[in-house]
């Protein structure tokens, strides 16, 4: 992925996870290490009471990776298929996939 794509993805991930300003999110960062769970384990409370998960007031044990993917889809104007999203392990993986999807969309 281009450096600007990776930088934008890093900023979105950091914002979605409500990480402290001094925390580092880079291409090699693994979503699991950043506190995001896998796509297939969405906490029940996030489905029923999303307003309670304000990351400024209440920090959930983890943030479903699906929320991060949705934020990236919105920011880049793309749709990430579930099978593709499940292959994302690092922030670099996400940036590479996004860049590929943006290129396909532009073609």
N, C-alpha and C. Protein backbone atom coordinates (compact mmCIF):
# COMPACT_ATOMS: atom_id res chain seq x y z
N UNK A 1 0.84 -1.19 0.00
CA UNK A 1 0.00 0.00 0.00
C UNK A 1 0.88 1.25 0.00
N UNK A 2 0.35 2.29 -0.57
CA UNK A 2 1.06 3.57 -0.57
C UNK A 2 1.18 4.08 0.87
N UNK A 3 2.23 4.84 1.15
CA UNK A 3 2.41 5.36 2.51
C UNK A 3 1.21 6.17 3.00
N UNK A 4 0.58 6.94 2.11
CA UNK A 4 -0.56 7.75 2.53
C UNK A 4 -1.78 6.89 2.87
N UNK A 5 -1.93 5.76 2.18
CA UNK A 5 -3.02 4.83 2.50
C UNK A 5 -2.78 4.21 3.87
N UNK A 6 -1.56 3.75 4.10
CA UNK A 6 -1.21 3.15 5.39
C UNK A 6 -1.40 4.15 6.52
N UNK A 7 -0.98 5.38 6.31
CA UNK A 7 -1.12 6.42 7.33
C UNK A 7 -2.59 6.67 7.67
N UNK A 8 -3.43 6.73 6.65
CA UNK A 8 -4.86 6.95 6.86
C UNK A 8 -5.48 5.78 7.61
N UNK A 9 -5.11 4.56 7.24
CA UNK A 9 -5.62 3.37 7.93
C UNK A 9 -5.18 3.38 9.39
N UNK A 10 -3.92 3.71 9.65
CA UNK A 10 -3.42 3.78 11.02
C UNK A 10 -4.22 4.78 11.85
N UNK A 11 -4.50 5.94 11.29
CA UNK A 11 -5.27 6.97 12.01
C UNK A 11 -6.69 6.48 12.31
N UNK A 12 -7.31 5.82 11.34
CA UNK A 12 -8.68 5.32 11.54
C UNK A 12 -8.71 4.24 12.61
N UNK A 13 -7.76 3.32 12.55
CA UNK A 13 -7.69 2.24 13.54
C UNK A 13 -7.47 2.84 14.93
N UNK A 14 -6.57 3.77 15.03
CA UNK A 14 -6.28 4.41 16.33
C UNK A 14 -7.53 5.11 16.88
N UNK A 15 -8.26 5.77 16.00
CA UNK A 15 -9.47 6.47 16.42
C UNK A 15 -10.55 5.47 16.83
N UNK A 16 -10.76 4.43 16.01
CA UNK A 16 -11.80 3.44 16.28
C UNK A 16 -11.55 2.73 17.61
N UNK A 17 -10.28 2.49 17.93
CA UNK A 17 -9.94 1.81 19.17
C UNK A 17 -9.77 2.77 20.34
N UNK A 18 -9.91 4.06 20.07
CA UNK A 18 -9.76 5.09 21.11
C UNK A 18 -8.43 4.92 21.86
N UNK A 19 -7.37 4.73 21.07
CA UNK A 19 -6.05 4.56 21.67
C UNK A 19 -5.49 5.91 22.10
N UNK A 20 -4.66 5.94 23.13
CA UNK A 20 -4.07 7.20 23.59
C UNK A 20 -3.22 7.84 22.49
N UNK A 21 -3.13 9.15 22.53
CA UNK A 21 -2.36 9.90 21.52
C UNK A 21 -0.93 9.39 21.38
N UNK A 22 -0.32 8.99 22.49
CA UNK A 22 1.09 8.59 22.44
C UNK A 22 1.28 7.13 22.02
N UNK A 23 0.20 6.42 21.73
CA UNK A 23 0.33 5.03 21.29
C UNK A 23 0.70 4.99 19.81
N UNK A 24 1.38 3.93 19.44
CA UNK A 24 1.85 3.79 18.06
C UNK A 24 1.06 2.70 17.35
N UNK A 25 0.54 3.06 16.19
CA UNK A 25 -0.10 2.10 15.30
C UNK A 25 0.67 2.17 13.99
N UNK A 26 1.24 1.04 13.59
CA UNK A 26 2.05 0.99 12.37
C UNK A 26 1.61 -0.19 11.52
N UNK A 27 2.19 -0.32 10.36
CA UNK A 27 1.84 -1.40 9.45
C UNK A 27 1.98 -2.77 10.07
N UNK A 28 3.00 -2.97 10.88
CA UNK A 28 3.24 -4.27 11.48
C UNK A 28 2.33 -4.56 12.69
N UNK A 29 1.58 -3.56 13.14
CA UNK A 29 0.71 -3.74 14.31
C UNK A 29 -0.36 -4.79 14.01
N UNK A 30 -0.50 -5.74 14.91
CA UNK A 30 -1.53 -6.77 14.78
C UNK A 30 -2.79 -6.27 15.46
N UNK A 31 -3.94 -6.49 14.82
CA UNK A 31 -5.20 -6.06 15.41
C UNK A 31 -5.43 -6.69 16.77
N UNK A 32 -5.06 -7.94 16.93
CA UNK A 32 -5.25 -8.61 18.22
C UNK A 32 -4.42 -7.94 19.31
N UNK A 33 -3.22 -7.47 18.98
CA UNK A 33 -2.38 -6.78 19.95
C UNK A 33 -2.92 -5.40 20.30
N UNK A 34 -3.70 -4.81 19.38
CA UNK A 34 -4.26 -3.48 19.61
C UNK A 34 -5.57 -3.53 20.39
N UNK A 35 -6.08 -4.73 20.64
CA UNK A 35 -7.31 -4.86 21.42
C UNK A 35 -8.54 -5.14 20.60
N UNK A 36 -8.37 -5.47 19.33
CA UNK A 36 -9.52 -5.81 18.48
C UNK A 36 -9.64 -7.32 18.42
N UNK A 37 -10.85 -7.81 18.53
CA UNK A 37 -11.07 -9.25 18.45
C UNK A 37 -11.26 -9.67 17.00
N UNK A 38 -11.54 -10.93 16.80
CA UNK A 38 -11.78 -11.41 15.44
C UNK A 38 -13.19 -11.06 15.00
N UNK A 39 -13.43 -11.14 13.72
CA UNK A 39 -14.73 -10.81 13.16
C UNK A 39 -15.83 -11.76 13.65
N UNK A 40 -15.46 -12.97 14.01
CA UNK A 40 -16.48 -13.94 14.36
C UNK A 40 -16.85 -13.95 15.84
N UNK A 41 -16.25 -13.10 16.65
CA UNK A 41 -16.62 -13.03 18.07
C UNK A 41 -17.03 -11.61 18.41
N UNK A 42 -18.23 -11.27 18.07
CA UNK A 42 -18.78 -9.95 18.36
C UNK A 42 -19.46 -10.03 19.72
N UNK A 43 -19.08 -9.18 20.67
CA UNK A 43 -19.71 -9.26 21.98
C UNK A 43 -21.21 -8.97 21.91
N UNK A 44 -21.98 -9.72 22.63
CA UNK A 44 -23.44 -9.59 22.63
C UNK A 44 -23.87 -8.18 22.94
N UNK A 45 -23.22 -7.54 23.91
CA UNK A 45 -23.62 -6.19 24.31
C UNK A 45 -23.48 -5.20 23.16
N UNK A 46 -22.51 -5.41 22.28
CA UNK A 46 -22.34 -4.46 21.18
C UNK A 46 -23.48 -4.55 20.18
N UNK A 47 -24.17 -5.68 20.16
CA UNK A 47 -25.30 -5.83 19.26
C UNK A 47 -26.56 -5.20 19.85
N UNK A 48 -26.66 -5.18 21.17
CA UNK A 48 -27.88 -4.73 21.83
C UNK A 48 -27.78 -3.30 22.36
N UNK A 49 -26.64 -2.96 22.92
CA UNK A 49 -26.51 -1.66 23.56
C UNK A 49 -25.30 -0.88 23.05
N UNK A 50 -25.27 -0.56 21.77
CA UNK A 50 -24.09 0.12 21.23
C UNK A 50 -23.81 1.47 21.87
N UNK A 51 -24.87 2.14 22.33
CA UNK A 51 -24.65 3.44 22.96
C UNK A 51 -23.86 3.33 24.26
N UNK A 52 -23.83 2.14 24.86
CA UNK A 52 -23.09 1.95 26.10
C UNK A 52 -21.60 1.74 25.86
N UNK A 53 -21.23 1.59 24.61
CA UNK A 53 -19.84 1.29 24.30
C UNK A 53 -19.03 2.52 23.91
N UNK A 54 -19.47 3.67 24.36
CA UNK A 54 -18.71 4.88 24.07
C UNK A 54 -17.31 4.69 24.64
N UNK A 55 -16.32 4.73 23.78
CA UNK A 55 -14.97 4.46 24.22
C UNK A 55 -14.40 5.59 25.07
N UNK A 56 -15.07 6.70 25.15
CA UNK A 56 -14.60 7.79 26.00
C UNK A 56 -15.08 7.59 27.44
N UNK A 57 -16.23 6.96 27.60
CA UNK A 57 -16.80 6.79 28.93
C UNK A 57 -16.57 5.38 29.47
N UNK A 58 -16.64 4.40 28.60
CA UNK A 58 -16.56 3.01 29.04
C UNK A 58 -15.74 2.23 28.03
N UNK A 59 -14.67 1.65 28.48
CA UNK A 59 -13.81 0.86 27.60
C UNK A 59 -14.25 -0.60 27.66
N UNK A 60 -14.72 -1.13 26.55
CA UNK A 60 -15.09 -2.53 26.49
C UNK A 60 -13.80 -3.35 26.54
N UNK A 61 -13.89 -4.64 26.85
CA UNK A 61 -12.69 -5.48 26.88
C UNK A 61 -12.02 -5.50 25.52
N UNK A 62 -12.80 -5.44 24.48
CA UNK A 62 -12.25 -5.43 23.14
C UNK A 62 -13.25 -4.77 22.20
N UNK A 63 -12.78 -4.32 21.10
CA UNK A 63 -13.64 -3.73 20.08
C UNK A 63 -13.68 -4.69 18.90
N UNK A 64 -14.85 -5.10 18.49
CA UNK A 64 -14.90 -6.03 17.37
C UNK A 64 -14.21 -5.48 16.12
N UNK A 65 -13.42 -6.31 15.52
CA UNK A 65 -12.72 -5.90 14.31
C UNK A 65 -13.70 -5.49 13.23
N UNK A 66 -14.91 -6.02 13.29
CA UNK A 66 -15.92 -5.67 12.29
C UNK A 66 -16.20 -4.17 12.32
N UNK A 67 -16.17 -3.55 13.49
CA UNK A 67 -16.39 -2.09 13.57
C UNK A 67 -15.27 -1.33 12.89
N UNK A 68 -14.06 -1.83 13.02
CA UNK A 68 -12.92 -1.18 12.36
C UNK A 68 -13.08 -1.30 10.84
N UNK A 69 -13.45 -2.48 10.37
CA UNK A 69 -13.64 -2.68 8.94
C UNK A 69 -14.73 -1.75 8.42
N UNK A 70 -15.81 -1.62 9.17
CA UNK A 70 -16.89 -0.72 8.75
C UNK A 70 -16.40 0.72 8.67
N UNK A 71 -15.58 1.15 9.61
CA UNK A 71 -15.02 2.49 9.57
C UNK A 71 -14.11 2.70 8.37
N UNK A 72 -13.34 1.69 8.03
CA UNK A 72 -12.46 1.77 6.86
C UNK A 72 -13.28 1.79 5.57
N UNK A 73 -14.33 0.98 5.52
CA UNK A 73 -15.20 0.98 4.34
C UNK A 73 -15.79 2.37 4.11
N UNK A 74 -16.25 2.97 5.17
CA UNK A 74 -16.84 4.31 5.06
C UNK A 74 -15.82 5.35 4.62
N UNK A 75 -14.64 5.30 5.21
CA UNK A 75 -13.60 6.28 4.91
C UNK A 75 -13.09 6.19 3.47
N UNK A 76 -13.03 4.97 2.95
CA UNK A 76 -12.47 4.77 1.61
C UNK A 76 -13.53 4.54 0.54
N UNK A 77 -14.80 4.46 0.92
CA UNK A 77 -15.86 4.26 -0.05
C UNK A 77 -15.82 2.92 -0.74
N UNK A 78 -15.52 1.89 0.04
CA UNK A 78 -15.39 0.54 -0.51
C UNK A 78 -16.25 -0.42 0.30
N UNK A 79 -16.34 -1.66 -0.18
CA UNK A 79 -16.99 -2.74 0.56
C UNK A 79 -15.99 -3.87 0.68
N UNK A 80 -15.77 -4.32 1.91
CA UNK A 80 -14.85 -5.43 2.17
C UNK A 80 -15.68 -6.68 2.41
N UNK A 81 -15.49 -7.69 1.59
CA UNK A 81 -16.20 -8.96 1.75
C UNK A 81 -15.70 -9.66 3.00
N UNK A 82 -16.59 -10.41 3.64
CA UNK A 82 -16.26 -11.05 4.90
C UNK A 82 -15.04 -11.97 4.80
N UNK A 83 -14.95 -12.75 3.73
CA UNK A 83 -13.81 -13.66 3.60
C UNK A 83 -12.49 -12.89 3.48
N UNK A 84 -12.52 -11.74 2.83
CA UNK A 84 -11.32 -10.90 2.73
C UNK A 84 -11.00 -10.28 4.08
N UNK A 85 -12.03 -9.82 4.78
CA UNK A 85 -11.82 -9.19 6.08
C UNK A 85 -11.23 -10.16 7.08
N UNK A 86 -11.61 -11.42 7.01
CA UNK A 86 -11.10 -12.41 7.96
C UNK A 86 -9.62 -12.71 7.75
N UNK A 87 -9.09 -12.36 6.59
CA UNK A 87 -7.66 -12.60 6.33
C UNK A 87 -6.79 -11.46 6.85
N UNK A 88 -7.40 -10.39 7.35
CA UNK A 88 -6.65 -9.24 7.84
C UNK A 88 -6.11 -9.55 9.24
N UNK A 89 -4.79 -9.50 9.37
CA UNK A 89 -4.15 -9.73 10.66
C UNK A 89 -3.47 -8.46 11.16
N UNK A 90 -2.82 -7.77 10.24
CA UNK A 90 -2.09 -6.55 10.59
C UNK A 90 -2.72 -5.32 9.94
N UNK A 91 -2.29 -4.18 10.39
CA UNK A 91 -2.75 -2.92 9.79
C UNK A 91 -2.27 -2.84 8.34
N UNK A 92 -1.10 -3.37 8.06
CA UNK A 92 -0.58 -3.39 6.68
C UNK A 92 -1.48 -4.25 5.79
N UNK A 93 -1.95 -5.38 6.31
CA UNK A 93 -2.89 -6.23 5.56
C UNK A 93 -4.13 -5.43 5.17
N UNK A 94 -4.64 -4.66 6.11
CA UNK A 94 -5.84 -3.85 5.86
C UNK A 94 -5.55 -2.79 4.80
N UNK A 95 -4.41 -2.11 4.91
CA UNK A 95 -4.06 -1.07 3.95
C UNK A 95 -3.88 -1.65 2.55
N UNK A 96 -3.24 -2.80 2.45
CA UNK A 96 -3.04 -3.45 1.14
C UNK A 96 -4.37 -3.84 0.52
N UNK A 97 -5.25 -4.43 1.32
CA UNK A 97 -6.56 -4.83 0.82
C UNK A 97 -7.37 -3.61 0.37
N UNK A 98 -7.34 -2.57 1.16
CA UNK A 98 -8.08 -1.35 0.82
C UNK A 98 -7.57 -0.76 -0.49
N UNK A 99 -6.26 -0.70 -0.63
CA UNK A 99 -5.70 -0.15 -1.86
C UNK A 99 -6.11 -0.98 -3.08
N UNK A 100 -6.11 -2.30 -2.93
CA UNK A 100 -6.56 -3.17 -4.02
C UNK A 100 -8.02 -2.90 -4.37
N UNK A 101 -8.87 -2.78 -3.34
CA UNK A 101 -10.29 -2.55 -3.57
C UNK A 101 -10.56 -1.18 -4.19
N UNK A 102 -9.79 -0.19 -3.79
CA UNK A 102 -9.95 1.15 -4.36
C UNK A 102 -9.54 1.12 -5.84
N UNK A 103 -8.46 0.39 -6.17
CA UNK A 103 -8.03 0.28 -7.57
C UNK A 103 -9.09 -0.42 -8.42
N UNK A 104 -9.67 -1.49 -7.89
CA UNK A 104 -10.72 -2.23 -8.62
C UNK A 104 -11.92 -1.33 -8.83
N UNK A 105 -12.28 -0.57 -7.80
CA UNK A 105 -13.44 0.32 -7.90
C UNK A 105 -13.21 1.41 -8.94
N UNK A 106 -11.98 1.89 -9.04
CA UNK A 106 -11.65 2.97 -9.97
C UNK A 106 -11.56 2.49 -11.41
N UNK A 107 -11.34 1.18 -11.59
CA UNK A 107 -11.14 0.64 -12.95
C UNK A 107 -12.41 0.60 -13.75
